Amino acid sequence: MTSFSIMYFMLGLASLFLLILTIMLLHPKWRKGLFQAYPETARRSKLAHLADGLELLIYPIIWLFKIIAAIFK
C-alpha cells in the first residue's frame, strides 16, 4: 500500500464517522437519548463529592513532594 492509499482510507473512515454522527444528531430518537440528563442518585452524588475532596487533598501533597524532590535533586 502506498501512502496515498492509506491517506484515502483514513479520509474515508473520517468521512464515514462524520456521516454517522450527523445522521445520529438529525434523527430525533437518537438525539433524545444522547442529550437526556440522568437523575443523579444520592450514592453517585456522595462519591462525586468524595472524589472532589480527595483531589483537593492529594494534589497539594503531590506538588509538595515534587518541590522537595526538585530541591534535593
PDB file of N, CA and C in Angstrom:
ATOM      1  N   MET A   1       0.840  -1.183   0.000  1.00  0.00           N
ATOM      2  CA  MET A   1       0.000   0.000   0.000  1.00  0.00           C
ATOM      3  C   MET A   1       0.885   1.246   0.000  1.00  0.00           C
ATOM      4  N   THR A   2       0.494   2.177  -0.775  1.00  0.00           N
ATOM      5  CA  THR A   2       1.239   3.423  -0.819  1.00  0.00           C
ATOM      6  C   THR A   2       0.698   4.387   0.234  1.00  0.00           C
ATOM      7  N   SER A   3       1.414   5.455   0.421  1.00  0.00           N
ATOM      8  CA  SER A   3       0.983   6.433   1.426  1.00  0.00           C
ATOM      9  C   SER A   3      -0.316   7.108   1.000  1.00  0.00           C
ATOM     10  N   PHE A   4      -0.533   7.241  -0.320  1.00  0.00           N
ATOM     11  CA  PHE A   4      -1.776   7.860  -0.780  1.00  0.00           C
ATOM     12  C   PHE A   4      -2.975   6.970  -0.494  1.00  0.00           C
ATOM     13  N   SER A   5      -2.829   5.669  -0.638  1.00  0.00           N
ATOM     14  CA  SER A   5      -3.970   4.785  -0.377  1.00  0.00           C
ATOM     15  C   SER A   5      -4.297   4.761   1.111  1.00  0.00           C
ATOM     16  N   ILE A   6      -3.272   4.848   1.961  1.00  0.00           N
ATOM     17  CA  ILE A   6      -3.521   4.905   3.398  1.00  0.00           C
ATOM     18  C   ILE A   6      -4.220   6.215   3.749  1.00  0.00           C
ATOM     19  N   MET A   7      -3.783   7.296   3.112  1.00  0.00           N
ATOM     20  CA  MET A   7      -4.385   8.592   3.366  1.00  0.00           C
ATOM     21  C   MET A   7      -5.855   8.605   2.929  1.00  0.00           C
ATOM     22  N   TYR A   8      -6.145   8.030   1.763  1.00  0.00           N
ATOM     23  CA  TYR A   8      -7.530   7.969   1.291  1.00  0.00           C
ATOM     24  C   TYR A   8      -8.381   7.073   2.182  1.00  0.00           C
ATOM     25  N   PHE A   9      -7.794   6.002   2.686  1.00  0.00           N
ATOM     26  CA  PHE A   9      -8.517   5.110   3.592  1.00  0.00           C
ATOM     27  C   PHE A   9      -8.884   5.841   4.879  1.00  0.00           C
ATOM     28  N   MET A  10      -7.934   6.586   5.462  1.00  0.00           N
ATOM     29  CA  MET A  10      -8.200   7.336   6.686  1.00  0.00           C
ATOM     30  C   MET A  10      -9.222   8.451   6.433  1.00  0.00           C
ATOM     31  N   LEU A  11      -9.138   9.083   5.282  1.00  0.00           N
ATOM     32  CA  LEU A  11     -10.105  10.120   4.924  1.00  0.00           C
ATOM     33  C   LEU A  11     -11.500   9.518   4.786  1.00  0.00           C
ATOM     34  N   GLY A  12     -11.578   8.323   4.223  1.00  0.00           N
ATOM     35  CA  GLY A  12     -12.864   7.643   4.093  1.00  0.00           C
ATOM     36  C   GLY A  12     -13.447   7.276   5.448  1.00  0.00           C
ATOM     37  N   LEU A  13     -12.590   6.807   6.362  1.00  0.00           N
ATOM     38  CA  LEU A  13     -13.075   6.477   7.703  1.00  0.00           C
ATOM     39  C   LEU A  13     -13.566   7.724   8.433  1.00  0.00           C
ATOM     40  N   ALA A  14     -12.842   8.820   8.301  1.00  0.00           N
ATOM     41  CA  ALA A  14     -13.263  10.063   8.944  1.00  0.00           C
ATOM     42  C   ALA A  14     -14.584  10.550   8.348  1.00  0.00           C
ATOM     43  N   SER A  15     -14.732  10.441   7.043  1.00  0.00           N
ATOM     44  CA  SER A  15     -15.973  10.858   6.393  1.00  0.00           C
ATOM     45  C   SER A  15     -17.144   9.994   6.839  1.00  0.00           C
ATOM     46  N   LEU A  16     -16.909   8.696   6.962  1.00  0.00           N
ATOM     47  CA  LEU A  16     -17.952   7.788   7.414  1.00  0.00           C
ATOM     48  C   LEU A  16     -18.359   8.104   8.849  1.00  0.00           C
ATOM     49  N   PHE A  17     -17.383   8.373   9.700  1.00  0.00           N
ATOM     50  CA  PHE A  17     -17.668   8.730  11.080  1.00  0.00           C
ATOM     51  C   PHE A  17     -18.505  10.011  11.150  1.00  0.00           C
ATOM     52  N   LEU A  18     -18.131  11.031  10.385  1.00  0.00           N
ATOM     53  CA  LEU A  18     -18.881  12.282  10.388  1.00  0.00           C
ATOM     54  C   LEU A  18     -20.290  12.103   9.837  1.00  0.00           C
ATOM     55  N   LEU A  19     -20.439  11.250   8.840  1.00  0.00           N
ATOM     56  CA  LEU A  19     -21.764  10.979   8.280  1.00  0.00           C
ATOM     57  C   LEU A  19     -22.653  10.302   9.323  1.00  0.00           C
ATOM     58  N   ILE A  20     -22.134   9.309  10.004  1.00  0.00           N
ATOM     59  CA  ILE A  20     -22.912   8.613  11.034  1.00  0.00           C
ATOM     60  C   ILE A  20     -23.265   9.566  12.168  1.00  0.00           C
ATOM     61  N   LEU A  21     -22.314  10.390  12.581  1.00  0.00           N
ATOM     62  CA  LEU A  21     -22.570  11.348  13.647  1.00  0.00           C
ATOM     63  C   LEU A  21     -23.642  12.352  13.243  1.00  0.00           C
ATOM     64  N   THR A  22     -23.592  12.825  12.013  1.00  0.00           N
ATOM     65  CA  THR A  22     -24.592  13.772  11.526  1.00  0.00           C
ATOM     66  C   THR A  22     -25.974  13.136  11.490  1.00  0.00           C
ATOM     67  N   ILE A  23     -26.062  11.916  11.021  1.00  0.00           N
ATOM     68  CA  ILE A  23     -27.360  11.221  10.977  1.00  0.00           C
ATOM     69  C   ILE A  23     -27.898  11.024  12.388  1.00  0.00           C
ATOM     70  N   MET A  24     -27.021  10.655  13.327  1.00  0.00           N
ATOM     71  CA  MET A  24     -27.473  10.455  14.706  1.00  0.00           C
ATOM     72  C   MET A  24     -27.986  11.752  15.322  1.00  0.00           C
ATOM     73  N   LEU A  25     -27.342  12.864  15.002  1.00  0.00           N
ATOM     74  CA  LEU A  25     -27.793  14.133  15.560  1.00  0.00           C
ATOM     75  C   LEU A  25     -29.069  14.635  14.904  1.00  0.00           C
ATOM     76  N   LEU A  26     -29.298  14.268  13.659  1.00  0.00           N
ATOM     77  CA  LEU A  26     -30.513  14.707  12.968  1.00  0.00           C
ATOM     78  C   LEU A  26     -31.721  13.853  13.323  1.00  0.00           C
ATOM     79  N   HIS A  27     -31.522  12.597  13.627  1.00  0.00           N
ATOM     80  CA  HIS A  27     -32.624  11.692  13.920  1.00  0.00           C
ATOM     81  C   HIS A  27     -33.112  11.959  15.344  1.00  0.00           C
ATOM     82  N   PRO A  28     -34.403  12.288  15.522  1.00  0.00           N
ATOM     83  CA  PRO A  28     -34.897  12.693  16.845  1.00  0.00           C
ATOM     84  C   PRO A  28     -34.770  11.612  17.921  1.00  0.00           C
ATOM     85  N   LYS A  29     -34.943  10.350  17.557  1.00  0.00           N
ATOM     86  CA  LYS A  29     -34.883   9.280  18.554  1.00  0.00           C
ATOM     87  C   LYS A  29     -33.487   9.203  19.164  1.00  0.00           C
ATOM     88  N   TRP A  30     -32.453   9.255  18.350  1.00  0.00           N
ATOM     89  CA  TRP A  30     -31.083   9.187  18.860  1.00  0.00           C
ATOM     90  C   TRP A  30     -30.704  10.463  19.589  1.00  0.00           C
ATOM     91  N   ARG A  31     -31.181  11.606  19.094  1.00  0.00           N
ATOM     92  CA  ARG A  31     -30.834  12.881  19.719  1.00  0.00           C
ATOM     93  C   ARG A  31     -31.386  12.945  21.136  1.00  0.00           C
ATOM     94  N   LYS A  32     -32.579  12.401  21.349  1.00  0.00           N
ATOM     95  CA  LYS A  32     -33.171  12.408  22.679  1.00  0.00           C
ATOM     96  C   LYS A  32     -32.329  11.568  23.632  1.00  0.00           C
ATOM     97  N   GLY A  33     -31.845  10.450  23.174  1.00  0.00           N
ATOM     98  CA  GLY A  33     -31.039   9.589  24.032  1.00  0.00           C
ATOM     99  C   GLY A  33     -29.656  10.140  24.295  1.00  0.00           C
ATOM    100  N   LEU A  34     -29.110  10.888  23.346  1.00  0.00           N
ATOM    101  CA  LEU A  34     -27.765  11.421  23.519  1.00  0.00           C
ATOM    102  C   LEU A  34     -27.718  12.548  24.545  1.00  0.00           C
ATOM    103  N   PHE A  35     -28.734  13.383  24.569  1.00  0.00           N
ATOM    104  CA  PHE A  35     -28.705  14.566  25.409  1.00  0.00           C
ATOM    105  C   PHE A  35     -29.628  14.478  26.613  1.00  0.00           C
ATOM    106  N   GLN A  36     -30.139  13.313  26.914  1.00  0.00           N
ATOM    107  CA  GLN A  36     -31.047  13.164  28.033  1.00  0.00           C
ATOM    108  C   GLN A  36     -30.246  13.186  29.336  1.00  0.00           C
ATOM    109  N   ALA A  37     -30.673  14.016  30.264  1.00  0.00           N
ATOM    110  CA  ALA A  37     -29.997  14.114  31.553  1.00  0.00           C
ATOM    111  C   ALA A  37     -30.523  13.018  32.474  1.00  0.00           C
ATOM    112  N   TYR A  38     -29.601  12.296  33.076  1.00  0.00           N
ATOM    113  CA  TYR A  38     -29.987  11.249  34.003  1.00  0.00           C
ATOM    114  C   TYR A  38     -29.997  11.822  35.420  1.00  0.00           C
ATOM    115  N   PRO A  39     -31.004  11.454  36.210  1.00  0.00           N
ATOM    116  CA  PRO A  39     -31.030  11.984  37.581  1.00  0.00           C
ATOM    117  C   PRO A  39     -29.852  11.438  38.382  1.00  0.00           C
ATOM    118  N   GLU A  40     -29.290  12.300  39.202  1.00  0.00           N
ATOM    119  CA  GLU A  40     -28.131  11.896  39.988  1.00  0.00           C
ATOM    120  C   GLU A  40     -28.615  11.264  41.286  1.00  0.00           C
ATOM    121  N   THR A  41     -28.187  10.035  41.528  1.00  0.00           N
ATOM    122  CA  THR A  41     -28.597   9.342  42.736  1.00  0.00           C
ATOM    123  C   THR A  41     -27.782   9.861  43.919  1.00  0.00           C
ATOM    124  N   ALA A  42     -28.265   9.580  45.105  1.00  0.00           N
ATOM    125  CA  ALA A  42     -27.571  10.045  46.308  1.00  0.00           C
ATOM    126  C   ALA A  42     -26.195   9.394  46.423  1.00  0.00           C
ATOM    127  N   ARG A  43     -26.108   8.120  46.071  1.00  0.00           N
ATOM    128  CA  ARG A  43     -24.825   7.410  46.167  1.00  0.00           C
ATOM    129  C   ARG A  43     -23.816   8.007  45.187  1.00  0.00           C
ATOM    130  N   ARG A  44     -24.243   8.262  43.967  1.00  0.00           N
ATOM    131  CA  ARG A  44     -23.346   8.831  42.965  1.00  0.00           C
ATOM    132  C   ARG A  44     -22.914  10.239  43.385  1.00  0.00           C
ATOM    133  N   SER A  45     -23.831  10.984  43.975  1.00  0.00           N
ATOM    134  CA  SER A  45     -23.518  12.329  44.428  1.00  0.00           C
ATOM    135  C   SER A  45     -22.475  12.295  45.551  1.00  0.00           C
ATOM    136  N   LYS A  46     -22.632  11.362  46.487  1.00  0.00           N
ATOM    137  CA  LYS A  46     -21.668  11.241  47.584  1.00  0.00           C
ATOM    138  C   LYS A  46     -20.300  10.844  47.060  1.00  0.00           C
ATOM    139  N   LEU A  47     -20.262   9.919  46.096  1.00  0.00           N
ATOM    140  CA  LEU A  47     -18.985   9.500  45.534  1.00  0.00           C
ATOM    141  C   LEU A  47     -18.311  10.639  44.777  1.00  0.00           C
ATOM    142  N   ALA A  48     -19.104  11.465  44.094  1.00  0.00           N
ATOM    143  CA  ALA A  48     -18.533  12.586  43.363  1.00  0.00           C
ATOM    144  C   ALA A  48     -17.937  13.599  44.328  1.00  0.00           C
ATOM    145  N   HIS A  49     -18.628  13.869  45.422  1.00  0.00           N
ATOM    146  CA  HIS A  49     -18.105  14.815  46.404  1.00  0.00           C
ATOM    147  C   HIS A  49     -16.873  14.247  47.103  1.00  0.00           C
ATOM    148  N   LEU A  50     -16.855  12.944  47.351  1.00  0.00           N
ATOM    149  CA  LEU A  50     -15.688  12.309  47.958  1.00  0.00           C
ATOM    150  C   LEU A  50     -14.483  12.411  47.029  1.00  0.00           C
ATOM    151  N   ALA A  51     -14.705  12.176  45.746  1.00  0.00           N
ATOM    152  CA  ALA A  51     -13.611  12.272  44.776  1.00  0.00           C
ATOM    153  C   ALA A  51     -13.082  13.701  44.701  1.00  0.00           C
ATOM    154  N   ASP A  52     -13.968  14.687  44.744  1.00  0.00           N
ATOM    155  CA  ASP A  52     -13.526  16.082  44.730  1.00  0.00           C
ATOM    156  C   ASP A  52     -12.715  16.411  45.972  1.00  0.00           C
ATOM    157  N   GLY A  53     -13.149  15.908  47.111  1.00  0.00           N
ATOM    158  CA  GLY A  53     -12.421  16.156  48.350  1.00  0.00           C
ATOM    159  C   GLY A  53     -11.049  15.505  48.350  1.00  0.00           C
ATOM    160  N   LEU A  54     -10.973  14.275  47.869  1.00  0.00           N
ATOM    161  CA  LEU A  54      -9.673  13.598  47.793  1.00  0.00           C
ATOM    162  C   LEU A  54      -8.738  14.317  46.834  1.00  0.00           C
ATOM    163  N   GLU A  55      -9.283  14.789  45.728  1.00  0.00           N
ATOM    164  CA  GLU A  55      -8.469  15.528  44.762  1.00  0.00           C
ATOM    165  C   GLU A  55      -7.936  16.811  45.397  1.00  0.00           C
ATOM    166  N   LEU A  56      -8.772  17.464  46.178  1.00  0.00           N
ATOM    167  CA  LEU A  56      -8.361  18.697  46.839  1.00  0.00           C
ATOM    168  C   LEU A  56      -7.249  18.444  47.851  1.00  0.00           C
ATOM    169  N   LEU A  57      -7.246  17.271  48.474  1.00  0.00           N
ATOM    170  CA  LEU A  57      -6.207  16.953  49.451  1.00  0.00           C
ATOM    171  C   LEU A  57      -4.937  16.404  48.814  1.00  0.00           C
ATOM    172  N   ILE A  58      -5.080  15.594  47.790  1.00  0.00           N
ATOM    173  CA  ILE A  58      -3.921  14.874  47.249  1.00  0.00           C
ATOM    174  C   ILE A  58      -3.058  15.751  46.353  1.00  0.00           C
ATOM    175  N   TYR A  59      -3.626  16.637  45.563  1.00  0.00           N
ATOM    176  CA  TYR A  59      -2.817  17.440  44.645  1.00  0.00           C
ATOM    177  C   TYR A  59      -1.785  18.315  45.361  1.00  0.00           C
ATOM    178  N   PRO A  60      -2.134  19.005  46.439  1.00  0.00           N
ATOM    179  CA  PRO A  60      -1.081  19.772  47.129  1.00  0.00           C
ATOM    180  C   PRO A  60       0.026  18.890  47.697  1.00  0.00           C
ATOM    181  N   ILE A  61      -0.330  17.695  48.159  1.00  0.00           N
ATOM    182  CA  ILE A  61       0.683  16.780  48.691  1.00  0.00           C
ATOM    183  C   ILE A  61       1.619  16.323  47.583  1.00  0.00           C
ATOM    184  N   ILE A  62       1.067  16.013  46.426  1.00  0.00           N
ATOM    185  CA  ILE A  62       1.894  15.599  45.296  1.00  0.00           C
ATOM    186  C   ILE A  62       2.837  16.720  44.880  1.00  0.00           C
ATOM    187  N   TRP A  63       2.322  17.955  44.804  1.00  0.00           N
ATOM    188  CA  TRP A  63       3.177  19.084  44.419  1.00  0.00           C
ATOM    189  C   TRP A  63       4.236  19.351  45.478  1.00  0.00           C
ATOM    190  N   LEU A  64       3.912  19.133  46.747  1.00  0.00           N
ATOM    191  CA  LEU A  64       4.899  19.292  47.804  1.00  0.00           C
ATOM    192  C   LEU A  64       6.034  18.287  47.631  1.00  0.00           C
ATOM    193  N   PHE A  65       5.711  17.036  47.334  1.00  0.00           N
ATOM    194  CA  PHE A  65       6.741  16.024  47.076  1.00  0.00           C
ATOM    195  C   PHE A  65       7.580  16.395  45.854  1.00  0.00           C
ATOM    196  N   LYS A  66       6.942  16.930  44.826  1.00  0.00           N
ATOM    197  CA  LYS A  66       7.690  17.339  43.633  1.00  0.00           C
ATOM    198  C   LYS A  66       8.670  18.465  43.956  1.00  0.00           C
ATOM    199  N   ILE A  67       8.227  19.410  44.765  1.00  0.00           N
ATOM    200  CA  ILE A  67       9.104  20.531  45.136  1.00  0.00           C
ATOM    201  C   ILE A  67      10.271  20.032  45.972  1.00  0.00           C
ATOM    202  N   ILE A  68       9.988  19.167  46.925  1.00  0.00           N
ATOM    203  CA  ILE A  68      11.054  18.602  47.763  1.00  0.00           C
ATOM    204  C   ILE A  68      12.036  17.806  46.913  1.00  0.00           C
ATOM    205  N   ALA A  69      11.522  17.008  45.978  1.00  0.00           N
ATOM    206  CA  ALA A  69      12.397  16.225  45.097  1.00  0.00           C
ATOM    207  C   ALA A  69      13.248  17.141  44.221  1.00  0.00           C
ATOM    208  N   ALA A  70      12.681  18.259  43.772  1.00  0.00           N
ATOM    209  CA  ALA A  70      13.440  19.185  42.946  1.00  0.00           C
ATOM    210  C   ALA A  70      14.534  19.887  43.752  1.00  0.00           C
ATOM    211  N   ILE A  71      14.257  20.132  45.018  1.00  0.00           N
ATOM    212  CA  ILE A  71      15.266  20.788  45.868  1.00  0.00           C
ATOM    213  C   ILE A  71      16.455  19.859  46.111  1.00  0.00           C
ATOM    214  N   PHE A  72      16.186  18.583  46.394  1.00  0.00           N
ATOM    215  CA  PHE A  72      17.260  17.646  46.707  1.00  0.00           C
ATOM    216  C   PHE A  72      17.860  16.969  45.478  1.00  0.00           C
ATOM    217  N   LYS A  73      17.422  17.331  44.324  1.00  0.00           N
ATOM    218  CA  LYS A  73      17.918  16.710  43.097  1.00  0.00           C
ATOM    219  C   LYS A  73      19.320  17.151  42.771  1.00  0.00           C
TER     220      LYS A  73
END
